[in-house]
N, C-alpha and C. Protein backbone atom coordinates (compact mmCIF):
# COMPACT_ATOMS: atom_id res chain seq x y z
N UNK A 1 16.79 8.80 38.73
CA UNK A 1 17.44 7.52 38.63
C UNK A 1 17.13 6.84 37.30
N UNK A 2 15.90 7.00 36.81
CA UNK A 2 15.56 6.37 35.53
C UNK A 2 16.31 7.01 34.38
N UNK A 3 16.62 8.30 34.50
CA UNK A 3 17.39 8.96 33.44
C UNK A 3 18.78 8.34 33.35
N UNK A 4 19.37 8.02 34.50
CA UNK A 4 20.68 7.39 34.54
C UNK A 4 20.60 6.00 33.91
N UNK A 5 19.53 5.26 34.20
CA UNK A 5 19.33 3.93 33.61
C UNK A 5 19.15 4.03 32.09
N UNK A 6 18.44 5.05 31.64
CA UNK A 6 18.24 5.26 30.21
C UNK A 6 19.57 5.50 29.51
N UNK A 7 20.41 6.34 30.13
CA UNK A 7 21.72 6.60 29.53
C UNK A 7 22.58 5.34 29.52
N UNK A 8 22.46 4.57 30.56
CA UNK A 8 23.20 3.31 30.62
C UNK A 8 22.74 2.37 29.51
N UNK A 9 21.45 2.31 29.31
CA UNK A 9 20.88 1.46 28.25
C UNK A 9 21.30 1.96 26.87
N UNK A 10 21.29 3.27 26.69
CA UNK A 10 21.71 3.86 25.41
C UNK A 10 23.18 3.53 25.15
N UNK A 11 24.01 3.68 26.15
CA UNK A 11 25.43 3.36 26.00
C UNK A 11 25.63 1.88 25.65
N UNK A 12 24.86 1.05 26.29
CA UNK A 12 24.94 -0.39 26.01
C UNK A 12 24.54 -0.66 24.55
N UNK A 13 23.45 -0.04 24.10
CA UNK A 13 22.99 -0.22 22.72
C UNK A 13 24.02 0.30 21.72
N UNK A 14 24.60 1.44 22.01
CA UNK A 14 25.63 2.00 21.13
C UNK A 14 26.82 1.06 21.05
N UNK A 15 27.19 0.52 22.18
CA UNK A 15 28.32 -0.42 22.21
C UNK A 15 28.03 -1.67 21.38
N UNK A 16 26.82 -2.18 21.49
CA UNK A 16 26.42 -3.36 20.71
C UNK A 16 26.44 -3.05 19.21
N UNK A 17 25.91 -1.89 18.84
CA UNK A 17 25.89 -1.50 17.43
C UNK A 17 27.31 -1.33 16.91
N UNK A 18 28.17 -0.73 17.71
CA UNK A 18 29.57 -0.54 17.33
C UNK A 18 30.23 -1.90 17.08
N UNK A 19 29.97 -2.86 17.97
CA UNK A 19 30.54 -4.21 17.81
C UNK A 19 30.02 -4.89 16.54
N UNK A 20 28.73 -4.73 16.25
CA UNK A 20 28.16 -5.33 15.05
C UNK A 20 28.78 -4.72 13.79
N UNK A 21 28.96 -3.41 13.80
CA UNK A 21 29.58 -2.74 12.65
C UNK A 21 31.02 -3.22 12.48
N UNK A 22 31.73 -3.30 13.58
CA UNK A 22 33.13 -3.75 13.53
C UNK A 22 33.21 -5.18 13.00
N UNK A 23 32.32 -6.06 13.48
CA UNK A 23 32.30 -7.45 13.00
C UNK A 23 31.95 -7.52 11.52
N UNK A 24 31.02 -6.68 11.10
CA UNK A 24 30.63 -6.66 9.69
C UNK A 24 31.79 -6.22 8.81
N UNK A 25 32.51 -5.21 9.26
CA UNK A 25 33.67 -4.74 8.50
C UNK A 25 34.72 -5.84 8.43
N UNK A 26 34.96 -6.52 9.55
CA UNK A 26 35.94 -7.61 9.56
C UNK A 26 35.52 -8.73 8.62
N UNK A 27 34.24 -9.07 8.59
CA UNK A 27 33.75 -10.11 7.70
C UNK A 27 33.89 -9.69 6.24
N UNK A 28 33.63 -8.41 5.97
CA UNK A 28 33.81 -7.90 4.61
C UNK A 28 35.26 -8.01 4.18
N UNK A 29 36.17 -7.68 5.11
CA UNK A 29 37.60 -7.79 4.83
C UNK A 29 37.98 -9.25 4.58
N UNK A 30 37.45 -10.15 5.40
CA UNK A 30 37.74 -11.57 5.22
C UNK A 30 37.22 -12.07 3.88
N UNK A 31 36.02 -11.65 3.53
CA UNK A 31 35.44 -12.04 2.25
C UNK A 31 36.29 -11.54 1.10
N UNK A 32 36.70 -10.30 1.19
CA UNK A 32 37.54 -9.70 0.15
C UNK A 32 38.88 -10.43 0.07
N UNK A 33 39.48 -10.71 1.22
CA UNK A 33 40.76 -11.43 1.24
C UNK A 33 40.61 -12.82 0.64
N UNK A 34 39.52 -13.49 0.98
CA UNK A 34 39.28 -14.84 0.45
C UNK A 34 39.10 -14.80 -1.06
N UNK A 35 38.34 -13.83 -1.56
CA UNK A 35 38.14 -13.69 -3.00
C UNK A 35 39.47 -13.41 -3.70
N UNK A 36 40.27 -12.52 -3.11
CA UNK A 36 41.58 -12.21 -3.70
C UNK A 36 42.47 -13.43 -3.71
N UNK A 37 42.46 -14.18 -2.63
CA UNK A 37 43.28 -15.38 -2.53
C UNK A 37 42.86 -16.42 -3.57
N UNK A 38 41.56 -16.61 -3.72
CA UNK A 38 41.06 -17.55 -4.72
C UNK A 38 41.43 -17.09 -6.13
N UNK A 39 41.29 -15.81 -6.37
CA UNK A 39 41.64 -15.26 -7.69
C UNK A 39 43.11 -15.47 -7.99
N UNK A 40 43.98 -15.21 -7.00
CA UNK A 40 45.41 -15.41 -7.18
C UNK A 40 45.75 -16.87 -7.41
N UNK A 41 45.07 -17.76 -6.70
CA UNK A 41 45.30 -19.19 -6.86
C UNK A 41 44.91 -19.65 -8.26
N UNK A 42 43.76 -19.18 -8.73
CA UNK A 42 43.31 -19.54 -10.08
C UNK A 42 44.28 -19.00 -11.13
N UNK A 43 44.72 -17.78 -10.96
CA UNK A 43 45.66 -17.18 -11.90
C UNK A 43 46.97 -17.97 -11.92
N UNK A 44 47.44 -18.33 -10.75
CA UNK A 44 48.68 -19.10 -10.66
C UNK A 44 48.52 -20.48 -11.30
N UNK A 45 47.42 -21.14 -11.02
CA UNK A 45 47.17 -22.46 -11.61
C UNK A 45 47.06 -22.36 -13.13
N UNK A 46 46.39 -21.33 -13.59
CA UNK A 46 46.24 -21.13 -15.03
C UNK A 46 47.59 -20.91 -15.70
N UNK A 47 48.42 -20.09 -15.09
CA UNK A 47 49.76 -19.83 -15.62
C UNK A 47 50.58 -21.12 -15.66
N UNK A 48 50.52 -21.87 -14.59
CA UNK A 48 51.27 -23.13 -14.52
C UNK A 48 50.81 -24.11 -15.60
N UNK A 49 49.51 -24.24 -15.77
CA UNK A 49 48.99 -25.16 -16.77
C UNK A 49 49.33 -24.70 -18.19
N UNK A 50 49.28 -23.40 -18.42
CA UNK A 50 49.67 -22.88 -19.74
C UNK A 50 51.15 -23.12 -20.02
N UNK A 51 51.98 -22.95 -19.01
CA UNK A 51 53.40 -23.22 -19.17
C UNK A 51 53.63 -24.71 -19.44
N UNK A 52 52.89 -25.55 -18.76
CA UNK A 52 53.00 -26.99 -18.97
C UNK A 52 52.62 -27.35 -20.41
N UNK A 53 51.52 -26.77 -20.88
CA UNK A 53 51.10 -27.00 -22.27
C UNK A 53 52.19 -26.56 -23.25
N UNK A 54 52.74 -25.40 -22.99
CA UNK A 54 53.79 -24.87 -23.85
C UNK A 54 55.02 -25.78 -23.84
N UNK A 55 55.41 -26.24 -22.67
CA UNK A 55 56.56 -27.14 -22.56
C UNK A 55 56.31 -28.46 -23.28
N UNK A 56 55.09 -28.95 -23.19
CA UNK A 56 54.74 -30.19 -23.90
C UNK A 56 54.86 -29.97 -25.41
N UNK A 57 54.34 -28.83 -25.86
CA UNK A 57 54.42 -28.49 -27.30
C UNK A 57 55.87 -28.47 -27.77
N UNK A 58 56.74 -27.89 -26.97
CA UNK A 58 58.13 -27.70 -27.37
C UNK A 58 58.97 -28.98 -27.27
N UNK A 59 58.67 -29.82 -26.29
CA UNK A 59 59.59 -30.93 -26.00
C UNK A 59 59.12 -32.29 -26.47
N UNK A 60 57.82 -32.53 -26.46
CA UNK A 60 57.32 -33.86 -26.82
C UNK A 60 57.22 -33.97 -28.34
N UNK A 61 57.82 -34.99 -28.88
CA UNK A 61 57.83 -35.18 -30.34
C UNK A 61 56.70 -36.08 -30.81
N UNK A 62 56.32 -37.04 -30.00
CA UNK A 62 55.27 -37.98 -30.37
C UNK A 62 53.91 -37.28 -30.31
N UNK A 63 53.24 -37.20 -31.46
CA UNK A 63 51.96 -36.47 -31.55
C UNK A 63 50.87 -37.11 -30.69
N UNK A 64 50.86 -38.42 -30.58
CA UNK A 64 49.84 -39.09 -29.78
C UNK A 64 50.02 -38.76 -28.29
N UNK A 65 51.26 -38.79 -27.83
CA UNK A 65 51.53 -38.45 -26.43
C UNK A 65 51.19 -36.99 -26.18
N UNK A 66 51.54 -36.14 -27.13
CA UNK A 66 51.25 -34.71 -27.02
C UNK A 66 49.74 -34.49 -26.91
N UNK A 67 48.99 -35.19 -27.74
CA UNK A 67 47.53 -35.06 -27.75
C UNK A 67 46.95 -35.55 -26.41
N UNK A 68 47.43 -36.67 -25.92
CA UNK A 68 46.94 -37.22 -24.65
C UNK A 68 47.27 -36.27 -23.49
N UNK A 69 48.48 -35.72 -23.49
CA UNK A 69 48.88 -34.80 -22.43
C UNK A 69 48.00 -33.55 -22.42
N UNK A 70 47.74 -33.01 -23.60
CA UNK A 70 46.87 -31.84 -23.70
C UNK A 70 45.45 -32.17 -23.23
N UNK A 71 44.99 -33.35 -23.57
CA UNK A 71 43.67 -33.80 -23.14
C UNK A 71 43.59 -33.88 -21.62
N UNK A 72 44.63 -34.41 -21.00
CA UNK A 72 44.67 -34.51 -19.54
C UNK A 72 44.66 -33.12 -18.91
N UNK A 73 45.45 -32.22 -19.47
CA UNK A 73 45.50 -30.84 -18.95
C UNK A 73 44.13 -30.18 -19.10
N UNK A 74 43.47 -30.40 -20.21
CA UNK A 74 42.13 -29.84 -20.41
C UNK A 74 41.15 -30.37 -19.37
N UNK A 75 41.26 -31.65 -19.05
CA UNK A 75 40.39 -32.23 -18.01
C UNK A 75 40.67 -31.62 -16.65
N UNK A 76 41.96 -31.40 -16.36
CA UNK A 76 42.33 -30.76 -15.09
C UNK A 76 41.75 -29.36 -15.01
N UNK A 77 41.89 -28.60 -16.09
CA UNK A 77 41.36 -27.24 -16.13
C UNK A 77 39.85 -27.25 -15.92
N UNK A 78 39.18 -28.16 -16.59
CA UNK A 78 37.73 -28.27 -16.48
C UNK A 78 37.31 -28.59 -15.04
N UNK A 79 38.01 -29.51 -14.42
CA UNK A 79 37.68 -29.89 -13.05
C UNK A 79 37.98 -28.75 -12.08
N UNK A 80 39.09 -28.05 -12.30
CA UNK A 80 39.40 -26.90 -11.45
C UNK A 80 38.32 -25.83 -11.56
N UNK A 81 37.88 -25.56 -12.79
CA UNK A 81 36.83 -24.55 -12.99
C UNK A 81 35.54 -24.97 -12.29
N UNK A 82 35.20 -26.24 -12.41
CA UNK A 82 33.98 -26.74 -11.77
C UNK A 82 34.07 -26.63 -10.25
N UNK A 83 35.22 -27.03 -9.71
CA UNK A 83 35.41 -26.95 -8.25
C UNK A 83 35.43 -25.51 -7.77
N UNK A 84 36.05 -24.64 -8.54
CA UNK A 84 36.09 -23.23 -8.17
C UNK A 84 34.69 -22.63 -8.17
N UNK A 85 33.91 -22.96 -9.18
CA UNK A 85 32.53 -22.46 -9.25
C UNK A 85 31.74 -22.94 -8.03
N UNK A 86 31.88 -24.21 -7.70
CA UNK A 86 31.17 -24.78 -6.55
C UNK A 86 31.63 -24.11 -5.25
N UNK A 87 32.93 -23.93 -5.10
CA UNK A 87 33.47 -23.30 -3.90
C UNK A 87 33.00 -21.86 -3.78
N UNK A 88 33.05 -21.13 -4.86
CA UNK A 88 32.61 -19.74 -4.87
C UNK A 88 31.14 -19.64 -4.47
N UNK A 89 30.35 -20.54 -4.99
CA UNK A 89 28.93 -20.56 -4.66
C UNK A 89 28.71 -20.84 -3.17
N UNK A 90 29.44 -21.80 -2.64
CA UNK A 90 29.29 -22.14 -1.22
C UNK A 90 29.75 -20.98 -0.33
N UNK A 91 30.85 -20.35 -0.68
CA UNK A 91 31.35 -19.22 0.11
C UNK A 91 30.34 -18.08 0.08
N UNK A 92 29.81 -17.77 -1.09
CA UNK A 92 28.81 -16.71 -1.21
C UNK A 92 27.57 -17.03 -0.39
N UNK A 93 27.10 -18.27 -0.49
CA UNK A 93 25.93 -18.69 0.28
C UNK A 93 26.19 -18.56 1.78
N UNK A 94 27.40 -18.95 2.21
CA UNK A 94 27.74 -18.89 3.63
C UNK A 94 27.68 -17.45 4.13
N UNK A 95 28.32 -16.53 3.41
CA UNK A 95 28.34 -15.15 3.87
C UNK A 95 26.97 -14.50 3.77
N UNK A 96 26.19 -14.84 2.77
CA UNK A 96 24.83 -14.30 2.68
C UNK A 96 23.99 -14.81 3.85
N UNK A 97 24.17 -16.09 4.20
CA UNK A 97 23.43 -16.67 5.32
C UNK A 97 23.85 -15.98 6.64
N UNK A 98 25.15 -15.78 6.82
CA UNK A 98 25.64 -15.12 8.02
C UNK A 98 25.09 -13.71 8.14
N UNK A 99 25.08 -12.97 7.03
CA UNK A 99 24.56 -11.60 7.06
C UNK A 99 23.08 -11.57 7.36
N UNK A 100 22.32 -12.50 6.79
CA UNK A 100 20.89 -12.51 7.05
C UNK A 100 20.60 -12.90 8.49
N UNK A 101 21.42 -13.76 9.09
CA UNK A 101 21.26 -14.13 10.50
C UNK A 101 21.51 -12.93 11.40
N UNK A 102 22.51 -12.13 11.05
CA UNK A 102 22.83 -10.95 11.86
C UNK A 102 21.74 -9.90 11.77
N UNK A 103 21.11 -9.79 10.62
CA UNK A 103 20.07 -8.77 10.43
C UNK A 103 18.81 -9.10 11.22
N UNK A 104 18.62 -10.36 11.51
CA UNK A 104 17.42 -10.77 12.25
C UNK A 104 17.62 -10.50 13.69
């Protein structure tokens, strides 16, 4: 009877390990998807801002307005970069914390 209980316990342990591996793979996929999404968003925002700068260069005749517009765009870019860095750091910390919790 104890041999049957041992096999039952082994099956239970294998099932738990399988679930942990599956969850880990899913989290890795989510992390990868999130990173790709953030990268695509940054690329899109960068392209849009560069196009805006180019359009300002081509259409605005007043040098002072052109300078102010470029300054505003530079501030937007700077703030986006700062926010992205902060977000990336928080996401990395979150997933590292989750992984360390699972390992314990």
